[in-house]
Amino acid sequence: MIITKVSAQKRPGRYNIFLDGKYAFSAGEKTVAEFVLLKGKELDSEQVERIRQFDADAKASDLAAHFLSYEPRTVFEVLQYLKKHEISDEVANSAVSQLNELGYLDDHQYAKLFIKNDLRVGSDGPKSLLRKLTQKGVDPEISQTELDEVLDEDWIEVGQRVIKSMVHQAGKLAQRELKRKMKTKLLMHGFDSGISTEVIASLDLEDDEDLQMQALKKQGIKAYKRFRRYDESERKFRIKKYLFSHGFSSGEIDTFLNGEVINFDDLAEY
């Protein structure tokens, strides 16, 4: 078989190869240069097959390299990208292996960088990061190995970032309720109970009696307004239940119900 024509495609860098006057296959610039595919060159069937295989590998490598040029990727993400571009599994795996050998594709390094960036500006705890990395196709064992390298003080710093906006609620919520809400938020962000407790402790939330009484007054008035339609006995029962569920102690609740925080006669104004 003889190459009778080499014509450029509309896609830059791709060429149509004609053998004995008929279209045979397409090839990229790298393939054309590697096999010197010029008009008049003679090829046998075995050579054509080698050329096609080389071109498929080159195309996959170029696609993967282009995909990696924007940002780091996982092996899984690259394989999915190549699959979307109709690259066979065999060729895709070969391209990934080459990139891995060259150091351009490494899930260990990806996980390390992903965690580092999140620690710097993110709000994810260990469990959340493990889940995100798993979704990106990183082996959980690899992710966990990198997560285990993170120091407790780094997790505490991230945790503080998660709940810093809640600190201003001191004086509006009971200390116990505020800490409970903080812990719930930290758990939702992937921190375990132990780290969550350390994060909250690091904020040095003092048991300020004035702030606690301020919160008791605020929540007590809210409860009174909600249950004012009931008779006195039922109203006090419901207020007590409400305040207890919001983190106030029995002693603090009795203080409110005894009119020591705000005179009940004054509650009519609310």
C-alpha atoms as a PDB file:
ATOM      1  CA  MET A   1       0.000   0.000   0.000  1.00  0.00           C
ATOM      2  CA  ILE A   2       1.236   3.453  -0.923  1.00  0.00           C
ATOM      3  CA  ILE A   3       0.331   6.799   0.607  1.00  0.00           C
ATOM      4  CA  THR A   4      -1.323   8.678  -2.222  1.00  0.00           C
ATOM      5  CA  LYS A   5      -2.521  11.724  -0.314  1.00  0.00           C
ATOM      6  CA  VAL A   6      -2.049  13.511   3.018  1.00  0.00           C
ATOM      7  CA  SER A   7      -4.610  16.253   3.686  1.00  0.00           C
ATOM      8  CA  ALA A   8      -5.119  18.497   6.701  1.00  0.00           C
ATOM      9  CA  GLN A   9      -8.371  18.212   8.638  1.00  0.00           C
ATOM     10  CA  LYS A  10     -10.365  21.184   9.887  1.00  0.00           C
ATOM     11  CA  ARG A  11      -9.137  20.261  13.361  1.00  0.00           C
ATOM     12  CA  PRO A  12      -5.664  21.751  13.788  1.00  0.00           C
ATOM     13  CA  GLY A  13      -2.898  19.177  13.968  1.00  0.00           C
ATOM     14  CA  ARG A  14      -4.858  16.278  12.445  1.00  0.00           C
ATOM     15  CA  TYR A  15      -4.352  14.784   8.974  1.00  0.00           C
ATOM     16  CA  ASN A  16      -6.206  12.346   6.732  1.00  0.00           C
ATOM     17  CA  ILE A  17      -4.038   9.609   5.251  1.00  0.00           C
ATOM     18  CA  PHE A  18      -5.066   8.016   1.933  1.00  0.00           C
ATOM     19  CA  LEU A  19      -3.677   4.666   0.798  1.00  0.00           C
ATOM     20  CA  ASP A  20      -3.961   3.610  -2.844  1.00  0.00           C
ATOM     21  CA  GLY A  21      -6.378   6.462  -3.499  1.00  0.00           C
ATOM     22  CA  LYS A  22      -8.734   5.667  -0.596  1.00  0.00           C
ATOM     23  CA  TYR A  23      -9.043   7.189   2.880  1.00  0.00           C
ATOM     24  CA  ALA A  24      -7.339   4.856   5.353  1.00  0.00           C
ATOM     25  CA  PHE A  25      -6.958   6.611   8.714  1.00  0.00           C
ATOM     26  CA  SER A  26      -6.267   9.926  10.417  1.00  0.00           C
ATOM     27  CA  ALA A  27      -3.155  10.873  12.344  1.00  0.00           C
ATOM     28  CA  GLY A  28      -1.834  13.681  14.479  1.00  0.00           C
ATOM     29  CA  GLU A  29       1.275  15.745  13.839  1.00  0.00           C
ATOM     30  CA  LYS A  30       3.302  13.652  16.275  1.00  0.00           C
ATOM     31  CA  THR A  31       2.371  10.462  14.418  1.00  0.00           C
ATOM     32  CA  VAL A  32       3.022  11.965  10.993  1.00  0.00           C
ATOM     33  CA  ALA A  33       6.461  13.093  12.126  1.00  0.00           C
ATOM     34  CA  GLU A  34       7.296   9.836  13.935  1.00  0.00           C
ATOM     35  CA  PHE A  35       6.525   7.619  10.921  1.00  0.00           C
ATOM     36  CA  VAL A  36       7.331  10.200   8.219  1.00  0.00           C
ATOM     37  CA  LEU A  37       3.930   9.815   6.609  1.00  0.00           C
ATOM     38  CA  LEU A  38       4.516  11.500   3.265  1.00  0.00           C
ATOM     39  CA  LYS A  39       3.009  10.963  -0.166  1.00  0.00           C
ATOM     40  CA  GLY A  40       4.658   8.066  -1.950  1.00  0.00           C
ATOM     41  CA  LYS A  41       5.677   6.133   1.167  1.00  0.00           C
ATOM     42  CA  GLU A  42       4.894   2.428   1.097  1.00  0.00           C
ATOM     43  CA  LEU A  43       3.262   0.769   4.111  1.00  0.00           C
ATOM     44  CA  ASP A  44       2.255  -2.794   4.902  1.00  0.00           C
ATOM     45  CA  SER A  45      -0.669  -3.875   7.114  1.00  0.00           C
ATOM     46  CA  GLU A  46       1.534  -4.390  10.159  1.00  0.00           C
ATOM     47  CA  GLN A  47       2.982  -0.889   9.860  1.00  0.00           C
ATOM     48  CA  VAL A  48      -0.492   0.622   9.496  1.00  0.00           C
ATOM     49  CA  GLU A  49      -1.587  -1.117  12.699  1.00  0.00           C
ATOM     50  CA  ARG A  50       1.480   0.178  14.559  1.00  0.00           C
ATOM     51  CA  ILE A  51       0.801   3.692  13.273  1.00  0.00           C
ATOM     52  CA  ARG A  52      -2.815   3.544  14.431  1.00  0.00           C
ATOM     53  CA  GLN A  53      -1.798   2.293  17.871  1.00  0.00           C
ATOM     54  CA  PHE A  54       0.876   4.966  18.209  1.00  0.00           C
ATOM     55  CA  ASP A  55      -1.591   7.658  17.168  1.00  0.00           C
ATOM     56  CA  ALA A  56      -4.208   6.443  19.644  1.00  0.00           C
ATOM     57  CA  ASP A  57      -1.634   6.516  22.447  1.00  0.00           C
ATOM     58  CA  ALA A  58      -0.380   9.945  21.391  1.00  0.00           C
ATOM     59  CA  LYS A  59      -3.909  11.335  21.201  1.00  0.00           C
ATOM     60  CA  ALA A  60      -4.723  10.019  24.675  1.00  0.00           C
ATOM     61  CA  SER A  61      -1.499  11.432  26.117  1.00  0.00           C
ATOM     62  CA  ASP A  62      -2.119  14.828  24.526  1.00  0.00           C
ATOM     63  CA  LEU A  63      -5.703  14.941  25.797  1.00  0.00           C
ATOM     64  CA  ALA A  64      -4.625  13.970  29.291  1.00  0.00           C
ATOM     65  CA  ALA A  65      -1.789  16.503  29.307  1.00  0.00           C
ATOM     66  CA  HIS A  66      -4.186  19.218  28.156  1.00  0.00           C
ATOM     67  CA  PHE A  67      -6.631  18.264  30.917  1.00  0.00           C
ATOM     68  CA  LEU A  68      -3.853  18.388  33.504  1.00  0.00           C
ATOM     69  CA  SER A  69      -2.637  21.787  32.315  1.00  0.00           C
ATOM     70  CA  TYR A  70      -5.530  23.583  34.021  1.00  0.00           C
ATOM     71  CA  GLU A  71      -5.188  22.104  37.508  1.00  0.00           C
ATOM     72  CA  PRO A  72      -4.044  18.922  39.269  1.00  0.00           C
ATOM     73  CA  ARG A  73      -6.247  15.883  38.667  1.00  0.00           C
ATOM     74  CA  THR A  74      -6.673  12.405  40.068  1.00  0.00           C
ATOM     75  CA  VAL A  75      -6.116   9.236  38.060  1.00  0.00           C
ATOM     76  CA  PHE A  76      -9.873   8.628  38.135  1.00  0.00           C
ATOM     77  CA  GLU A  77     -10.650  12.105  36.784  1.00  0.00           C
ATOM     78  CA  VAL A  78      -8.206  11.686  33.898  1.00  0.00           C
ATOM     79  CA  LEU A  79      -9.619   8.269  33.019  1.00  0.00           C
ATOM     80  CA  GLN A  80     -13.148   9.688  33.048  1.00  0.00           C
ATOM     81  CA  TYR A  81     -12.052  12.580  30.839  1.00  0.00           C
ATOM     82  CA  LEU A  82     -10.468  10.232  28.315  1.00  0.00           C
ATOM     83  CA  LYS A  83     -13.529   8.002  28.351  1.00  0.00           C
ATOM     84  CA  LYS A  84     -15.683  11.035  27.554  1.00  0.00           C
ATOM     85  CA  HIS A  85     -13.474  11.584  24.504  1.00  0.00           C
ATOM     86  CA  GLU A  86     -14.060   7.982  23.408  1.00  0.00           C
ATOM     87  CA  ILE A  87     -10.576   6.742  24.240  1.00  0.00           C
ATOM     88  CA  SER A  88     -10.544   2.989  24.855  1.00  0.00           C
ATOM     89  CA  ASP A  89      -9.825   1.711  28.361  1.00  0.00           C
ATOM     90  CA  GLU A  90      -6.606   0.048  27.236  1.00  0.00           C
ATOM     91  CA  VAL A  91      -5.233   3.191  25.612  1.00  0.00           C
ATOM     92  CA  ALA A  92      -6.417   5.402  28.491  1.00  0.00           C
ATOM     93  CA  ASN A  93      -4.731   3.192  31.080  1.00  0.00           C
ATOM     94  CA  SER A  94      -1.536   3.243  29.055  1.00  0.00           C
ATOM     95  CA  ALA A  95      -1.575   7.052  28.888  1.00  0.00           C
ATOM     96  CA  VAL A  96      -2.224   7.303  32.625  1.00  0.00           C
ATOM     97  CA  SER A  97       0.655   4.922  33.365  1.00  0.00           C
ATOM     98  CA  GLN A  98       3.036   7.047  31.307  1.00  0.00           C
ATOM     99  CA  LEU A  99       1.942  10.247  33.036  1.00  0.00           C
ATOM    100  CA  ASN A 100       2.308   8.536  36.384  1.00  0.00           C
ATOM    101  CA  GLU A 101       5.849   7.433  35.565  1.00  0.00           C
ATOM    102  CA  LEU A 102       6.705  10.980  34.496  1.00  0.00           C
ATOM    103  CA  GLY A 103       5.365  12.337  37.787  1.00  0.00           C
ATOM    104  CA  TYR A 104       2.524  14.319  36.239  1.00  0.00           C
ATOM    105  CA  LEU A 105      -0.167  12.166  37.810  1.00  0.00           C
ATOM    106  CA  ASP A 106       0.087  11.086  41.443  1.00  0.00           C
ATOM    107  CA  ASP A 107      -2.895  10.581  43.742  1.00  0.00           C
ATOM    108  CA  HIS A 108      -0.674  10.830  46.833  1.00  0.00           C
ATOM    109  CA  GLN A 109       0.535  14.269  45.792  1.00  0.00           C
ATOM    110  CA  TYR A 110      -2.967  15.261  44.722  1.00  0.00           C
ATOM    111  CA  ALA A 111      -4.405  14.358  48.132  1.00  0.00           C
ATOM    112  CA  LYS A 112      -1.580  16.175  49.918  1.00  0.00           C
ATOM    113  CA  LEU A 113      -2.135  19.358  47.875  1.00  0.00           C
ATOM    114  CA  PHE A 114      -5.930  19.157  48.156  1.00  0.00           C
ATOM    115  CA  ILE A 115      -5.730  18.882  51.942  1.00  0.00           C
ATOM    116  CA  LYS A 116      -3.126  21.648  52.189  1.00  0.00           C
ATOM    117  CA  ASN A 117      -5.268  24.072  50.184  1.00  0.00           C
ATOM    118  CA  ASP A 118      -8.380  23.288  52.203  1.00  0.00           C
ATOM    119  CA  LEU A 119      -6.520  23.774  55.477  1.00  0.00           C
ATOM    120  CA  ARG A 120      -5.462  27.199  54.250  1.00  0.00           C
ATOM    121  CA  VAL A 121      -8.821  28.572  53.101  1.00  0.00           C
ATOM    122  CA  GLY A 122     -11.465  25.854  53.462  1.00  0.00           C
ATOM    123  CA  SER A 123     -13.857  24.732  56.157  1.00  0.00           C
ATOM    124  CA  ASP A 124     -13.699  20.941  55.977  1.00  0.00           C
ATOM    125  CA  GLY A 125     -12.896  18.562  58.791  1.00  0.00           C
ATOM    126  CA  PRO A 126     -11.129  15.215  58.260  1.00  0.00           C
ATOM    127  CA  LYS A 127     -14.272  13.239  57.459  1.00  0.00           C
ATOM    128  CA  SER A 128     -15.481  15.803  54.941  1.00  0.00           C
ATOM    129  CA  LEU A 129     -12.105  15.889  53.191  1.00  0.00           C
ATOM    130  CA  LEU A 130     -11.980  12.094  53.084  1.00  0.00           C
ATOM    131  CA  ARG A 131     -15.413  12.047  51.467  1.00  0.00           C
ATOM    132  CA  LYS A 132     -14.486  14.696  48.892  1.00  0.00           C
ATOM    133  CA  LEU A 133     -11.262  12.937  47.932  1.00  0.00           C
ATOM    134  CA  THR A 134     -13.096   9.626  47.620  1.00  0.00           C
ATOM    135  CA  GLN A 135     -15.597  11.284  45.281  1.00  0.00           C
ATOM    136  CA  LYS A 136     -12.650  12.375  43.148  1.00  0.00           C
ATOM    137  CA  GLY A 137     -11.509   8.773  42.941  1.00  0.00           C
ATOM    138  CA  VAL A 138      -8.635   8.830  45.425  1.00  0.00           C
ATOM    139  CA  ASP A 139      -8.189   5.567  47.322  1.00  0.00           C
ATOM    140  CA  PRO A 140      -9.447   6.147  50.910  1.00  0.00           C
ATOM    141  CA  GLU A 141      -6.245   4.598  52.278  1.00  0.00           C
ATOM    142  CA  ILE A 142      -4.164   7.175  50.407  1.00  0.00           C
ATOM    143  CA  SER A 143      -6.389   9.997  51.653  1.00  0.00           C
ATOM    144  CA  GLN A 144      -6.323   8.756  55.233  1.00  0.00           C
ATOM    145  CA  THR A 145      -2.534   8.480  55.171  1.00  0.00           C
ATOM    146  CA  GLU A 146      -2.264  12.140  54.176  1.00  0.00           C
ATOM    147  CA  LEU A 147      -4.957  13.233  56.647  1.00  0.00           C
ATOM    148  CA  ASP A 148      -3.089  11.524  59.469  1.00  0.00           C
ATOM    149  CA  GLU A 149      -0.150  13.839  58.790  1.00  0.00           C
ATOM    150  CA  VAL A 150      -2.181  16.950  59.655  1.00  0.00           C
ATOM    151  CA  LEU A 151      -1.432  18.423  63.082  1.00  0.00           C
ATOM    152  CA  ASP A 152      -4.230  18.938  65.617  1.00  0.00           C
ATOM    153  CA  GLU A 153      -3.543  22.672  65.740  1.00  0.00           C
ATOM    154  CA  ASP A 154      -4.220  22.891  61.997  1.00  0.00           C
ATOM    155  CA  TRP A 155      -7.610  21.221  62.423  1.00  0.00           C
ATOM    156  CA  ILE A 156      -8.378  23.553  65.321  1.00  0.00           C
ATOM    157  CA  GLU A 157      -7.606  26.576  63.155  1.00  0.00           C
ATOM    158  CA  VAL A 158      -9.998  25.353  60.458  1.00  0.00           C
ATOM    159  CA  GLY A 159     -12.638  24.589  63.073  1.00  0.00           C
ATOM    160  CA  GLN A 160     -12.367  28.100  64.485  1.00  0.00           C
ATOM    161  CA  ARG A 161     -12.972  29.415  60.987  1.00  0.00           C
ATOM    162  CA  VAL A 162     -16.146  27.329  60.771  1.00  0.00           C
ATOM    163  CA  ILE A 163     -17.756  28.632  63.965  1.00  0.00           C
ATOM    164  CA  LYS A 164     -16.264  32.108  64.373  1.00  0.00           C
ATOM    165  CA  SER A 165     -19.495  33.710  63.146  1.00  0.00           C
ATOM    166  CA  MET A 166     -21.367  32.077  66.043  1.00  0.00           C
ATOM    167  CA  VAL A 167     -19.353  33.700  68.832  1.00  0.00           C
ATOM    168  CA  HIS A 168     -21.496  36.841  68.690  1.00  0.00           C
ATOM    169  CA  GLN A 169     -24.470  34.765  69.852  1.00  0.00           C
ATOM    170  CA  ALA A 170     -23.083  34.798  73.389  1.00  0.00           C
ATOM    171  CA  GLY A 171     -25.648  36.769  75.359  1.00  0.00           C
ATOM    172  CA  LYS A 172     -28.413  35.570  73.047  1.00  0.00           C
ATOM    173  CA  LEU A 173     -28.104  31.853  73.751  1.00  0.00           C
ATOM    174  CA  ALA A 174     -27.249  29.934  76.883  1.00  0.00           C
ATOM    175  CA  GLN A 175     -23.586  28.936  77.003  1.00  0.00           C
ATOM    176  CA  ARG A 176     -24.526  25.260  76.882  1.00  0.00           C
ATOM    177  CA  GLU A 177     -26.868  25.820  73.932  1.00  0.00           C
ATOM    178  CA  LEU A 178     -24.277  27.906  72.090  1.00  0.00           C
ATOM    179  CA  LYS A 179     -21.634  25.227  72.541  1.00  0.00           C
ATOM    180  CA  ARG A 180     -24.094  22.552  71.441  1.00  0.00           C
ATOM    181  CA  LYS A 181     -24.882  24.470  68.248  1.00  0.00           C
ATOM    182  CA  MET A 182     -21.175  25.013  67.615  1.00  0.00           C
ATOM    183  CA  LYS A 183     -20.464  21.324  68.023  1.00  0.00           C
ATOM    184  CA  THR A 184     -23.333  20.393  65.711  1.00  0.00           C
ATOM    185  CA  LYS A 185     -21.966  22.703  63.021  1.00  0.00           C
ATOM    186  CA  LEU A 186     -18.462  21.275  63.382  1.00  0.00           C
ATOM    187  CA  LEU A 187     -19.788  17.727  63.114  1.00  0.00           C
ATOM    188  CA  MET A 188     -21.652  18.710  59.949  1.00  0.00           C
ATOM    189  CA  HIS A 189     -18.358  19.979  58.510  1.00  0.00           C
ATOM    190  CA  GLY A 190     -16.662  16.639  59.089  1.00  0.00           C
ATOM    191  CA  PHE A 191     -14.964  17.122  62.455  1.00  0.00           C
ATOM    192  CA  ASP A 192     -15.216  14.311  64.979  1.00  0.00           C
ATOM    193  CA  SER A 193     -16.475  14.860  68.512  1.00  0.00           C
ATOM    194  CA  GLY A 194     -13.011  15.033  70.062  1.00  0.00           C
ATOM    195  CA  ILE A 195     -11.632  17.691  67.722  1.00  0.00           C
ATOM    196  CA  SER A 196     -14.906  19.627  67.934  1.00  0.00           C
ATOM    197  CA  THR A 197     -14.570  19.818  71.706  1.00  0.00           C
ATOM    198  CA  GLU A 198     -10.979  21.054  71.357  1.00  0.00           C
ATOM    199  CA  VAL A 199     -12.019  23.711  68.838  1.00  0.00           C
ATOM    200  CA  ILE A 200     -14.731  25.064  71.131  1.00  0.00           C
ATOM    201  CA  ALA A 201     -12.389  25.000  74.125  1.00  0.00           C
ATOM    202  CA  SER A 202      -9.810  26.979  72.134  1.00  0.00           C
ATOM    203  CA  LEU A 203     -12.247  29.886  71.815  1.00  0.00           C
ATOM    204  CA  ASP A 204     -12.040  30.507  75.568  1.00  0.00           C
ATOM    205  CA  LEU A 205     -15.756  31.123  75.870  1.00  0.00           C
ATOM    206  CA  GLU A 206     -15.925  32.357  79.434  1.00  0.00           C
ATOM    207  CA  ASP A 207     -18.907  31.526  81.585  1.00  0.00           C
ATOM    208  CA  ASP A 208     -19.787  35.206  81.801  1.00  0.00           C
ATOM    209  CA  GLU A 209     -22.672  35.511  84.268  1.00  0.00           C
ATOM    210  CA  ASP A 210     -23.853  38.800  82.793  1.00  0.00           C
ATOM    211  CA  LEU A 211     -23.998  37.324  79.285  1.00  0.00           C
ATOM    212  CA  GLN A 212     -25.752  34.243  80.616  1.00  0.00           C
ATOM    213  CA  MET A 213     -28.374  36.372  82.370  1.00  0.00           C
ATOM    214  CA  GLN A 214     -28.738  38.451  79.226  1.00  0.00           C
ATOM    215  CA  ALA A 215     -29.401  35.288  77.230  1.00  0.00           C
ATOM    216  CA  LEU A 216     -31.788  34.002  79.896  1.00  0.00           C
ATOM    217  CA  LYS A 217     -33.751  37.235  79.743  1.00  0.00           C
ATOM    218  CA  LYS A 218     -33.909  37.176  75.943  1.00  0.00           C
ATOM    219  CA  GLN A 219     -34.998  33.547  75.708  1.00  0.00           C
ATOM    220  CA  GLY A 220     -37.310  33.873  78.708  1.00  0.00           C
ATOM    221  CA  ILE A 221     -39.173  36.784  77.137  1.00  0.00           C
ATOM    222  CA  LYS A 222     -39.451  34.828  73.903  1.00  0.00           C
ATOM    223  CA  ALA A 223     -40.900  31.862  75.807  1.00  0.00           C
ATOM    224  CA  TYR A 224     -43.306  34.087  77.733  1.00  0.00           C
ATOM    225  CA  LYS A 225     -44.632  35.651  74.532  1.00  0.00           C
ATOM    226  CA  ARG A 226     -45.108  32.204  73.034  1.00  0.00           C
ATOM    227  CA  PHE A 227     -47.023  30.794  76.009  1.00  0.00           C
ATOM    228  CA  ARG A 228     -48.715  33.866  77.463  1.00  0.00           C
ATOM    229  CA  ARG A 229     -52.178  32.610  76.431  1.00  0.00           C
ATOM    230  CA  TYR A 230     -52.027  29.739  78.935  1.00  0.00           C
ATOM    231  CA  ASP A 231     -52.984  29.994  82.590  1.00  0.00           C
ATOM    232  CA  GLU A 232     -50.155  30.725  85.019  1.00  0.00           C
ATOM    233  CA  SER A 233     -49.441  27.134  86.017  1.00  0.00           C
ATOM    234  CA  GLU A 234     -49.384  25.806  82.451  1.00  0.00           C
ATOM    235  CA  ARG A 235     -47.462  28.856  81.243  1.00  0.00           C
ATOM    236  CA  LYS A 236     -44.696  28.356  83.813  1.00  0.00           C
ATOM    237  CA  PHE A 237     -44.488  24.664  82.981  1.00  0.00           C
ATOM    238  CA  ARG A 238     -44.085  25.378  79.278  1.00  0.00           C
ATOM    239  CA  ILE A 239     -41.585  28.198  79.856  1.00  0.00           C
ATOM    240  CA  LYS A 240     -39.526  25.920  82.083  1.00  0.00           C
ATOM    241  CA  LYS A 241     -39.545  23.179  79.464  1.00  0.00           C
ATOM    242  CA  TYR A 242     -38.608  25.651  76.722  1.00  0.00           C
ATOM    243  CA  LEU A 243     -35.715  27.182  78.647  1.00  0.00           C
ATOM    244  CA  PHE A 244     -34.388  23.790  79.713  1.00  0.00           C
ATOM    245  CA  SER A 245     -34.368  22.637  76.078  1.00  0.00           C
ATOM    246  CA  HIS A 246     -32.386  25.778  75.247  1.00  0.00           C
ATOM    247  CA  GLY A 247     -29.557  24.935  77.605  1.00  0.00           C
ATOM    248  CA  PHE A 248     -30.431  26.731  80.835  1.00  0.00           C
ATOM    249  CA  SER A 249     -30.047  25.030  84.195  1.00  0.00           C
ATOM    250  CA  SER A 250     -32.928  24.450  86.601  1.00  0.00           C
ATOM    251  CA  GLY A 251     -31.522  27.103  88.919  1.00  0.00           C
ATOM    252  CA  GLU A 252     -31.339  29.687  86.148  1.00  0.00           C
ATOM    253  CA  ILE A 253     -34.865  28.855  85.025  1.00  0.00           C
ATOM    254  CA  ASP A 254     -36.189  29.257  88.573  1.00  0.00           C
ATOM    255  CA  THR A 255     -34.440  32.614  88.727  1.00  0.00           C
ATOM    256  CA  PHE A 256     -36.403  33.731  85.687  1.00  0.00           C
ATOM    257  CA  LEU A 257     -39.712  32.273  86.853  1.00  0.00           C
ATOM    258  CA  ASN A 258     -39.279  33.939  90.250  1.00  0.00           C
ATOM    259  CA  GLY A 259     -39.095  37.298  88.527  1.00  0.00           C
ATOM    260  CA  GLU A 260     -35.451  37.919  89.451  1.00  0.00           C
ATOM    261  CA  VAL A 261     -34.350  38.488  85.847  1.00  0.00           C
ATOM    262  CA  ILE A 262     -37.323  40.603  84.794  1.00  0.00           C
ATOM    263  CA  ASN A 263     -40.463  41.465  86.689  1.00  0.00           C
ATOM    264  CA  PHE A 264     -43.392  39.517  85.268  1.00  0.00           C
ATOM    265  CA  ASP A 265     -45.541  42.633  85.484  1.00  0.00           C
ATOM    266  CA  ASP A 266     -43.154  44.273  83.035  1.00  0.00           C
ATOM    267  CA  LEU A 267     -43.563  41.432  80.547  1.00  0.00           C
ATOM    268  CA  ALA A 268     -46.873  42.903  79.453  1.00  0.00           C
ATOM    269  CA  GLU A 269     -44.825  45.484  77.555  1.00  0.00           C
ATOM    270  CA  TYR A 270     -43.460  42.703  75.375  1.00  0.00           C
END
